C-alpha cells in the first residue's frame, strides 16, 4: 500500500499543474519534518498559481520556524497582497498574525 506522500507524488507527477495536489504534498512534507521539500513544493505552488493564498501562509511558517525570518517576512508580505486580491479575509488575518509574531 502506498503512503499518503507517495500517492500525492503520483498525483503531482500525473498533473504538475494541479495546485491542490502539490499543496497537499507540501503539507505532507511539512508534517514529516522534511522542511526542504516542503519549501520547494510551496514555492512551486505559488510560482504556478500565485492566487493560492494558503501556500504563502504555510511557506512563511516553515521559513520562520527554520530561522529564515527575512524570507518569511517577504513571503508573508506577498501573501497579504494575494489574500487581499482574492478577498480572502480569513487567510489575510492568519498571514497578518503570523507576520506580527515574527516582526
Protein backbone atom coordinates (compact mmCIF):
# COMPACT_ATOMS: atom_id res chain seq x y z
CA UNK A 1 0.00 0.00 0.00
CA UNK A 2 1.32 3.42 -0.93
CA UNK A 3 1.93 6.05 1.69
CA UNK A 4 -0.01 9.28 1.56
CA UNK A 5 3.11 11.11 0.36
CA UNK A 6 3.70 8.58 -2.40
CA UNK A 7 0.10 8.85 -3.55
CA UNK A 8 0.36 12.65 -3.62
CA UNK A 9 3.63 12.42 -5.54
CA UNK A 10 1.81 10.27 -8.11
CA UNK A 11 -0.95 12.88 -8.42
CA UNK A 12 1.60 15.67 -8.91
CA UNK A 13 3.52 13.61 -11.49
CA UNK A 14 0.30 12.95 -13.38
CA UNK A 15 -0.75 16.62 -13.31
CA UNK A 16 2.09 19.00 -12.33
CA UNK A 17 -0.27 21.98 -12.63
CA UNK A 18 -2.68 20.66 -10.00
CA UNK A 19 -2.16 23.20 -7.22
CA UNK A 20 -4.27 21.31 -4.71
CA UNK A 21 -2.27 18.07 -5.01
CA UNK A 22 1.04 19.92 -4.90
CA UNK A 23 -0.10 21.94 -1.87
CA UNK A 24 -1.21 18.73 -0.13
CA UNK A 25 2.18 17.19 -0.93
CA UNK A 26 3.93 20.21 0.58
CA UNK A 27 1.81 19.87 3.73
CA UNK A 28 2.73 16.19 3.90
CA UNK A 29 6.44 17.02 3.66
CA UNK A 30 5.95 19.63 6.39
CA UNK A 31 4.19 17.07 8.59
CA UNK A 32 7.04 14.60 8.02
CA UNK A 33 9.60 17.24 9.05
CA UNK A 34 11.06 17.46 5.54
CA UNK A 35 11.24 21.25 5.51
CA UNK A 36 13.45 21.50 2.41
CA UNK A 37 10.96 19.63 0.23
CA UNK A 38 8.02 21.42 1.84
CA UNK A 39 9.58 24.76 0.93
CA UNK A 40 10.26 23.61 -2.64
CA UNK A 41 6.68 22.45 -3.12
CA UNK A 42 5.10 25.55 -1.53
CA UNK A 43 7.28 27.74 -3.76
CA UNK A 44 6.22 25.70 -6.78
CA UNK A 45 2.53 26.14 -5.89
CA UNK A 46 2.98 29.90 -5.60
CA UNK A 47 5.04 30.06 -8.79
CA UNK A 48 2.40 28.20 -10.78
CA UNK A 49 -0.65 29.67 -9.02
CA UNK A 50 0.09 32.99 -7.26
CA UNK A 51 -3.53 33.20 -6.09
CA UNK A 52 -3.24 30.03 -3.96
CA UNK A 53 -3.10 32.12 -0.80
CA UNK A 54 -2.81 29.34 1.78
CA UNK A 55 0.57 28.38 0.35
CA UNK A 56 2.01 31.76 1.39
CA UNK A 57 0.97 31.18 5.00
CA UNK A 58 2.50 27.71 5.20
CA UNK A 59 5.66 28.65 3.30
CA UNK A 60 6.18 31.60 5.62
CA UNK A 61 5.56 29.39 8.63
CA UNK A 62 8.22 26.87 7.57
CA UNK A 63 10.69 29.61 6.73
CA UNK A 64 10.13 31.33 10.08
CA UNK A 65 10.41 28.08 12.01
CA UNK A 66 13.70 27.27 10.31
CA UNK A 67 15.17 30.70 11.06
CA UNK A 68 14.75 32.32 7.64
CA UNK A 69 12.90 35.32 9.06
CA UNK A 70 13.62 37.80 6.27
CA UNK A 71 12.38 35.32 3.66
CA UNK A 72 9.33 34.58 5.80
CA UNK A 73 8.52 38.29 6.05
CA UNK A 74 8.84 38.65 2.29
CA UNK A 75 6.56 35.65 1.65
CA UNK A 76 4.02 36.89 4.18
CA UNK A 77 4.05 40.32 2.51
CA UNK A 78 3.30 38.77 -0.87
CA UNK A 79 0.67 36.59 0.78
CA UNK A 80 -1.07 39.65 2.20
CA UNK A 81 -1.29 41.10 -1.30
CA UNK A 82 -2.58 37.83 -2.75
CA UNK A 83 -5.15 37.36 0.03
CA UNK A 84 -6.35 40.95 -0.39
CA UNK A 85 -6.70 40.46 -4.15
CA UNK A 86 -8.64 37.22 -3.54
CA UNK A 87 -10.77 38.89 -0.85
CA UNK A 88 -9.80 36.02 1.46
CA UNK A 89 -10.24 37.67 4.84
CA UNK A 90 -9.53 34.56 6.90
CA UNK A 91 -6.16 33.87 5.29
CA UNK A 92 -5.37 37.57 5.28
CA UNK A 93 -5.84 37.63 9.07
CA UNK A 94 -3.80 34.44 9.56
CA UNK A 95 -0.91 35.79 7.50
CA UNK A 96 -1.03 39.13 9.27
CA UNK A 97 -0.97 37.40 12.67
CA UNK A 98 1.97 35.26 11.60
CA UNK A 99 3.83 38.29 10.30
CA UNK A 100 3.17 40.21 13.52
CA UNK A 101 4.54 37.27 15.51
CA UNK A 102 7.95 37.49 13.81
CA UNK A 103 8.22 41.25 13.39
